[in-house]
Protein backbone atom coordinates (compact mmCIF):
# COMPACT_ATOMS: atom_id res chain seq x y z
CA MET A 1 -76.35 17.88 -67.48
CA THR A 2 -79.86 20.18 -66.25
CA ARG A 3 -82.00 20.72 -68.67
CA GLU A 4 -81.36 24.57 -68.72
CA GLU A 5 -77.73 23.24 -69.60
CA GLN A 6 -79.28 20.54 -72.19
CA ARG A 7 -81.34 23.89 -73.53
CA LYS A 8 -77.83 26.05 -74.11
CA LEU A 9 -76.22 23.92 -75.43
CA SER A 10 -79.05 22.99 -77.80
CA ASP A 11 -78.78 26.75 -78.48
CA LEU A 12 -75.05 27.09 -78.96
CA LYS A 13 -75.61 24.29 -81.57
CA LYS A 14 -78.60 25.65 -83.79
CA GLN A 15 -76.40 28.70 -83.31
CA LEU A 16 -72.94 27.06 -84.80
CA THR A 17 -74.98 25.42 -88.01
CA GLN A 18 -76.58 29.29 -88.97
CA THR A 19 -73.11 30.81 -88.62
CA GLU A 20 -71.75 27.80 -91.30
CA LYS A 21 -74.19 28.16 -93.78
CA LEU A 22 -73.52 32.47 -93.21
CA ARG A 23 -70.04 32.48 -93.06
CA ALA A 24 -68.03 29.69 -94.80
CA LYS A 25 -68.33 31.68 -98.32
CA GLU A 26 -66.13 34.44 -97.11
CA TYR A 27 -63.54 32.80 -96.59
CA GLY A 28 -63.83 30.21 -99.25
CA PHE A 29 -65.28 27.86 -98.32
CA LYS A 30 -67.99 25.23 -99.35
CA ARG A 31 -71.15 24.21 -97.87
CA SER A 32 -73.02 20.63 -99.10
CA HIS A 33 -75.05 18.57 -96.87
CA GLY A 34 -73.89 20.27 -94.00
CA PHE A 35 -70.34 19.75 -94.62
CA ILE A 36 -68.02 22.57 -94.50
CA TYR A 37 -64.66 21.85 -97.05
CA LYS A 38 -62.53 23.12 -99.82
CA PHE A 39 -60.57 21.74 -102.64
CA VAL A 40 -56.78 22.14 -103.29
CA ALA A 41 -55.21 20.64 -106.32
CA ASP A 42 -56.09 16.71 -106.06
CA PHE A 43 -57.48 16.95 -102.30
CA ALA A 44 -60.64 17.86 -100.30
CA TYR A 45 -60.65 18.87 -96.57
CA TRP A 46 -63.41 18.93 -94.41
CA VAL A 47 -64.10 21.11 -91.79
CA SER A 48 -65.82 19.15 -88.98
CA THR A 49 -66.63 21.13 -85.90
CA HIS A 50 -68.62 21.07 -83.05
CA ILE A 51 -69.60 21.96 -79.74
CA SER A 52 -67.83 20.41 -76.66
CA ALA A 53 -70.28 18.84 -73.91
CA ASP A 54 -69.66 22.26 -71.22
CA GLY A 55 -70.34 24.63 -74.50
CA ASN A 56 -66.98 26.56 -74.06
CA ASN A 57 -65.25 25.96 -77.25
CA ILE A 58 -65.91 24.78 -80.51
CA ILE A 59 -63.65 21.64 -81.17
CA VAL A 60 -62.51 21.31 -84.89
CA GLN A 61 -60.52 18.40 -87.02
CA ILE A 62 -60.06 18.35 -90.81
CA PRO A 63 -59.87 15.16 -92.52
CA LEU A 64 -58.98 15.13 -96.06
CA LYS A 65 -58.48 12.66 -98.47
CA TYR A 66 -57.12 11.97 -102.37
CA ILE A 67 -60.04 12.77 -104.64
CA PRO A 68 -58.55 10.39 -107.62
CA LEU A 69 -58.98 7.30 -105.34
CA ASP A 70 -62.99 8.33 -105.50
CA GLU A 71 -62.80 7.34 -109.19
CA VAL A 72 -60.76 4.09 -108.16
CA LEU A 73 -63.41 2.84 -105.91
CA TRP A 74 -65.83 3.17 -108.39
CA ASP A 75 -64.11 0.83 -111.08
CA VAL A 76 -63.66 -1.83 -108.45
CA PHE A 77 -67.26 -1.31 -106.55
CA GLU A 78 -68.86 -1.12 -110.24
CA CYS A 79 -70.77 1.90 -109.47
CA PRO A 80 -69.33 4.40 -113.02
CA GLU A 81 -73.06 6.82 -112.02
CA ASN A 82 -70.94 7.95 -109.57
CA ARG A 83 -68.67 9.71 -112.17
CA LYS A 84 -71.92 11.76 -113.03
CA GLN A 85 -71.88 13.46 -109.38
CA PRO A 86 -71.33 17.31 -108.49
CA LYS A 87 -67.86 17.37 -107.75
CA SER A 88 -69.76 17.82 -103.63
CA PHE A 89 -70.64 14.06 -104.10
CA HIS A 90 -66.24 13.38 -103.19
CA ILE A 91 -67.24 15.16 -99.91
CA SER A 92 -71.05 13.88 -98.87
CA GLY A 93 -71.51 11.03 -101.16
CA ALA A 94 -72.34 7.39 -100.30
CA PHE A 95 -69.28 4.86 -101.67
CA VAL A 96 -66.50 7.56 -102.03
CA SER A 97 -62.60 7.10 -100.52
CA GLU A 98 -62.08 7.27 -96.77
CA PHE A 99 -60.91 10.35 -95.04
CA PHE A 100 -57.71 10.40 -93.45
CA TRP A 101 -58.12 12.33 -89.81
CA THR A 102 -54.76 13.92 -88.58
CA ASP A 103 -53.88 13.64 -85.42
CA ASN A 104 -54.92 17.87 -84.98
CA LYS A 105 -57.79 18.53 -83.13
CA PHE A 106 -58.52 22.27 -81.85
CA HIS A 107 -60.14 23.67 -79.13
CA ILE A 108 -61.74 27.08 -79.74
CA PRO A 109 -62.94 28.74 -76.94
CA ILE A 110 -66.39 30.76 -77.29
CA GLU A 111 -65.87 34.16 -75.90
CA SER A 112 -67.68 36.44 -77.73
CA SER A 113 -70.42 34.45 -79.85
CA VAL A 114 -70.49 32.08 -81.68
CA GLU A 115 -70.22 33.45 -85.31
CA ASP A 116 -66.87 35.43 -84.33
CA THR A 117 -65.65 32.00 -82.72
CA TYR A 118 -65.95 30.37 -85.66
CA CYS A 119 -64.43 33.12 -87.89
CA LEU A 120 -61.50 31.92 -85.80
CA VAL A 121 -62.33 28.58 -86.61
CA LEU A 122 -62.11 28.91 -90.28
CA GLU A 123 -58.97 31.26 -90.02
CA ARG A 124 -57.31 28.54 -88.43
CA ALA A 125 -58.31 25.90 -90.42
CA ASP A 126 -57.06 28.03 -93.52
CA THR A 127 -53.82 28.21 -92.02
CA PHE A 128 -54.07 24.42 -91.43
CA ILE A 129 -54.59 23.09 -94.56
CA ASN A 130 -52.17 25.37 -96.69
CA GLU A 131 -49.65 23.61 -94.73
CA TYR A 132 -50.60 20.63 -96.10
CA ALA A 133 -51.46 21.66 -99.26
CA ASN A 134 -47.68 22.83 -99.80
CA LYS A 135 -46.66 19.10 -98.56
CA LEU A 136 -49.10 16.91 -100.77
CA LYS A 137 -49.45 17.63 -104.06
CA THR A 138 -48.95 13.92 -105.31
CA ALA A 139 -50.57 10.26 -104.53
CA PHE A 140 -46.81 9.50 -103.07
CA ASP A 141 -47.48 11.66 -100.96
CA PHE A 142 -50.61 10.71 -99.59
CA GLU A 143 -48.97 7.17 -99.52
CA ARG A 144 -46.15 8.31 -97.24
CA LEU A 145 -48.89 10.14 -94.72
CA ILE A 146 -51.14 7.22 -94.42
CA GLU A 147 -48.83 4.42 -94.72
CA LYS A 148 -48.80 3.67 -90.97
CA ASN A 149 -51.74 3.67 -90.34
CA GLU A 150 -54.27 0.91 -89.89
CA ARG A 151 -57.37 1.97 -90.79
CA GLN A 152 -55.89 3.23 -93.83
CA GLY A 153 -56.04 -0.32 -95.25
CA LEU A 154 -58.67 0.61 -98.29
CA ASN A 155 -56.45 3.50 -99.47
CA ARG A 156 -53.48 1.67 -99.39
CA ILE A 157 -55.13 -0.75 -101.66
CA LEU A 158 -56.63 1.86 -103.65
CA LEU A 159 -53.33 3.98 -104.33
CA LYS A 160 -51.53 0.17 -105.36
CA ILE A 161 -54.18 0.26 -107.80
CA LEU A 162 -54.19 3.98 -109.27
CA ALA A 163 -50.08 2.84 -109.59
CA LYS A 164 -51.36 -0.09 -111.65
CA ASP A 165 -49.63 -2.63 -108.92
CA TYR A 166 -51.96 -4.71 -108.65
CA GLN A 167 -50.03 -7.43 -107.13
CA GLU A 168 -48.59 -5.48 -104.54
CA ALA A 169 -53.06 -4.28 -103.65
CA LEU A 170 -53.24 -8.22 -103.38
CA ASN A 171 -50.57 -8.29 -100.96
CA ILE A 172 -52.15 -5.12 -98.72
CA LEU A 173 -55.38 -7.40 -99.32
CA ALA A 174 -54.11 -10.19 -97.65
CA GLU A 175 -52.67 -8.18 -94.74
CA GLU A 176 -55.88 -6.61 -94.21
CA ARG A 177 -57.83 -9.92 -93.96
CA MET A 178 -55.17 -11.44 -92.19
CA ALA A 179 -56.23 -8.62 -89.39
CA LYS A 180 -59.59 -9.19 -89.76
CA ARG A 181 -60.49 -6.24 -92.14
CA SER A 182 -63.08 -6.03 -94.25
CA GLY A 183 -62.78 -2.03 -95.50
CA CYS A 184 -66.24 -1.51 -94.65
CA PHE A 185 -67.99 -1.05 -98.03
CA SER A 186 -70.32 -4.05 -99.00
CA SER A 187 -72.72 -4.94 -102.23
CA LEU A 188 -76.53 -5.81 -102.04
CA GLU A 189 -75.51 -8.78 -104.42
CA GLY A 190 -72.79 -9.76 -101.14
CA GLY A 191 -69.68 -9.71 -100.93
CA ASN A 192 -67.51 -6.46 -99.37
CA ILE A 193 -65.17 -3.92 -101.05
CA TYR A 194 -62.22 -6.07 -100.57
CA ASP A 195 -64.27 -9.35 -102.91
CA PHE A 196 -64.26 -6.27 -105.67
CA ALA A 197 -61.03 -5.31 -105.10
CA GLU A 198 -59.25 -8.93 -105.35
CA ARG A 199 -61.44 -9.68 -108.49
CA TYR A 200 -60.67 -6.31 -109.50
CA CYS A 201 -56.59 -6.81 -109.23
CA GLN A 202 -56.67 -10.26 -110.35
CA GLY A 203 -58.82 -9.73 -113.71
CA LYS A 204 -56.37 -6.69 -114.64
CA LEU A 205 -53.05 -9.00 -113.73
CA LEU A 206 -54.40 -11.94 -115.71
CA LYS A 207 -55.20 -9.63 -118.92
CA LYS A 208 -51.75 -7.87 -118.37
CA ASP A 209 -50.20 -11.75 -118.36
CA LYS A 210 -52.71 -12.84 -121.75
CA VAL A 211 -52.00 -9.75 -124.02
CA GLY A 212 -48.26 -10.30 -123.56
CA LYS A 213 -46.97 -6.43 -123.66
CA THR A 214 -44.04 -5.55 -122.49
CA ARG A 215 -42.08 -7.55 -120.44
CA PHE A 216 -40.13 -6.07 -117.22
CA SER A 217 -36.68 -6.78 -115.49
CA LEU A 218 -35.11 -5.21 -112.59
CA ASP A 219 -32.14 -5.40 -111.37
CA TRP A 220 -31.60 -4.18 -107.43
CA ALA A 221 -27.75 -4.05 -107.04
CA GLY A 222 -27.44 -7.27 -108.70
CA SER A 223 -30.24 -9.16 -107.54
CA VAL A 224 -32.68 -10.11 -110.13
CA TYR A 225 -36.54 -9.15 -110.58
CA ASN A 226 -37.87 -10.90 -112.66
CA HIS A 227 -41.40 -9.81 -114.67
CA GLU A 228 -43.55 -12.06 -112.22
CA GLY A 229 -41.89 -10.78 -109.10
CA LEU A 230 -41.48 -7.12 -110.07
CA SER A 231 -43.92 -4.50 -108.62
CA ALA A 232 -43.56 -0.61 -108.05
CA SER A 233 -43.10 -0.88 -104.23
CA VAL A 234 -39.36 -3.18 -105.13
CA PHE A 235 -38.01 0.17 -107.38
CA GLY A 236 -39.76 2.57 -104.30
CA ASP A 237 -38.18 0.51 -102.23
CA ALA A 238 -34.79 1.14 -103.72
CA ILE A 239 -35.19 4.96 -104.03
CA ARG A 240 -36.25 5.97 -100.90
CA GLY A 241 -33.47 3.99 -99.67
CA PHE A 242 -30.56 5.66 -101.59
CA CYS A 243 -28.22 7.66 -99.22
CA LYS A 244 -24.03 8.48 -99.93
CA GLU A 245 -23.52 6.74 -97.20
CA TYR A 246 -24.45 3.18 -99.44
CA ASP A 247 -23.97 2.30 -103.08
CA ASP A 248 -26.72 1.44 -104.71
CA TYR A 249 -28.58 1.37 -108.17
CA ILE A 250 -31.84 0.31 -110.35
CA ILE A 251 -31.60 -0.62 -113.55
CA LEU A 252 -35.10 -1.13 -115.08
CA SER A 253 -35.15 -2.88 -118.56
CA PRO A 254 -38.14 -2.94 -120.88
CA THR A 255 -38.90 -6.29 -123.74
CA PRO A 256 -39.51 -4.59 -126.34
CA PRO A 257 -37.94 -1.82 -125.74
CA ILE A 258 -40.29 1.41 -124.97
CA LYS A 259 -39.69 3.93 -128.40
CA ASP A 260 -36.56 2.68 -128.53
CA SER A 261 -35.11 3.38 -124.76
CA SER A 262 -33.48 0.41 -123.78
CA TYR A 263 -33.47 0.72 -119.83
CA LEU A 264 -33.98 3.29 -117.53
CA GLN A 265 -31.88 3.49 -114.80
CA THR A 266 -30.81 5.31 -111.06
CA HIS A 267 -28.15 5.24 -108.59
CA SER A 268 -27.61 6.48 -104.69
CA PRO A 269 -25.93 9.95 -105.04
CA THR A 270 -22.24 10.13 -104.70
CA GLU A 271 -19.68 13.15 -104.34
CA ASN A 272 -19.59 14.12 -108.02
CA THR A 273 -23.55 14.32 -108.18
CA ASN A 274 -23.04 16.93 -105.20
CA GLY A 275 -25.87 14.98 -103.48
CA LEU A 276 -28.62 14.91 -106.42
CA ILE A 277 -29.12 11.69 -107.77
CA PRO A 278 -29.15 10.77 -111.75
CA VAL A 279 -31.73 9.27 -113.54
CA GLU A 280 -30.91 7.97 -116.92
CA ILE A 281 -31.99 6.98 -119.61
CA ARG A 282 -30.64 4.73 -123.19
CA PHE A 283 -32.23 4.74 -126.65
CA ASP A 284 -30.96 2.62 -128.72
CA TYR A 285 -31.98 2.64 -132.81
CA PRO A 286 -33.01 0.65 -135.19
CA ASN A 287 -29.69 2.28 -137.24
CA GLY A 288 -27.63 0.98 -134.70
CA SER A 289 -27.02 4.67 -132.90
CA PHE A 290 -27.46 5.21 -129.42
CA LYS A 291 -28.38 8.05 -127.33
CA HIS A 292 -28.04 8.95 -123.67
CA PHE A 293 -29.83 11.26 -121.75
CA CYS A 294 -29.56 12.71 -117.95
CA TYR A 295 -31.69 14.07 -115.27
CA GLU A 296 -30.50 15.09 -111.95
CA THR A 297 -32.79 15.76 -108.96
CA ASP A 298 -32.95 15.29 -105.09
CA ASN A 299 -36.81 14.30 -105.48
CA LYS A 300 -36.90 10.93 -104.77
CA ASP A 301 -40.82 11.30 -104.77
CA GLU A 302 -40.08 12.74 -108.81
CA ILE A 303 -38.27 9.56 -109.63
CA TYR A 304 -40.26 7.17 -108.31
CA TRP A 305 -42.90 8.01 -110.27
CA ILE A 306 -40.79 8.73 -113.76
CA PHE A 307 -40.07 4.57 -112.65
CA ALA A 308 -43.53 4.07 -111.22
CA ASN A 309 -44.83 5.62 -114.69
CA TYR A 310 -41.83 3.82 -116.85
CA TRP A 311 -43.53 0.44 -115.80
CA ALA A 312 -46.76 0.39 -115.55
CA LYS A 313 -47.43 3.03 -118.49
CA GLU A 314 -44.92 2.91 -120.57
CA GLU A 315 -44.40 6.20 -120.66
CA LEU A 316 -41.30 8.01 -121.13
CA PRO A 317 -40.45 10.71 -118.92
CA ASP A 318 -40.91 14.61 -119.68
CA MET A 319 -37.61 13.92 -122.22
CA THR A 320 -36.87 17.85 -121.86
CA LYS A 321 -35.40 17.55 -118.40
CA PHE A 322 -32.90 15.25 -119.83
CA LYS A 323 -29.60 16.04 -120.95
CA ASP A 324 -27.86 15.02 -123.44
CA ILE A 325 -24.65 12.71 -121.95
CA THR A 326 -23.76 10.94 -124.75
CA ASP A 327 -20.35 12.18 -125.57
CA GLU A 328 -19.60 11.91 -122.04
CA LEU A 329 -19.81 8.35 -122.62
């Protein structure tokens, strides 16, 4: 590259920086410490741009992240002071969860000026973000997006911790260490983030066993998982595998009952349910009476979180969605 070409490229980079400062806000984006970004619900999108080596294009990538994982990371890595930081810290701060870099990379030709081209960049970025925002609404959505990416090991672990599935988090940790990955972050006192995560999960499991709270068993089409062998991934695998062609079911039973509920169950869709998946919950009351409720949906993600929250948080589902079918039994 000649000196003239180097000067031209340097000038274009300066123009890009100045344009970001001037125009990003007009398109609904924020700017902090050189980062251009946008928050949509629980997700953050970063518009990463640079001038191509030949100076002819602005190259754009838009990595994204699930914001609640930051607070999980801060709990695990023992840095609660990060919770007091401004919201922009989720983008530019130290010790935050990793961004997921999508495969999408845009090359926008610089035809007139950097400023005009950058406006096209922001329009394209806004369209991209809206498309993803329609698909990404929950932790489960993000988990499905990253599940096959080997660079997302830490986020996969944090997602399991968020769901209180500490045993599965430890299982992923073991896989990561077998692959000689460490999760990037290290402490001045010694140990990396995976060491902290392991201690955190083990402590939670010991505390849960020690307190002796509600214990669960799961019947998956005749295969019974006791309390120690149960994890959210078990009923997650079952629910994701439901289809019309195969008769399948799961029954999750707490001991003692949770607010008089004896079990939560679901089974694969049938012709009688018009392709919908029924979720049922039974209540057995101290006076000997009972009630049975049913809710039908085709949203497997929603069903997963109904079961995950019942198991991990001991929370009943939103009963306003359920129909009383006691008289039909």
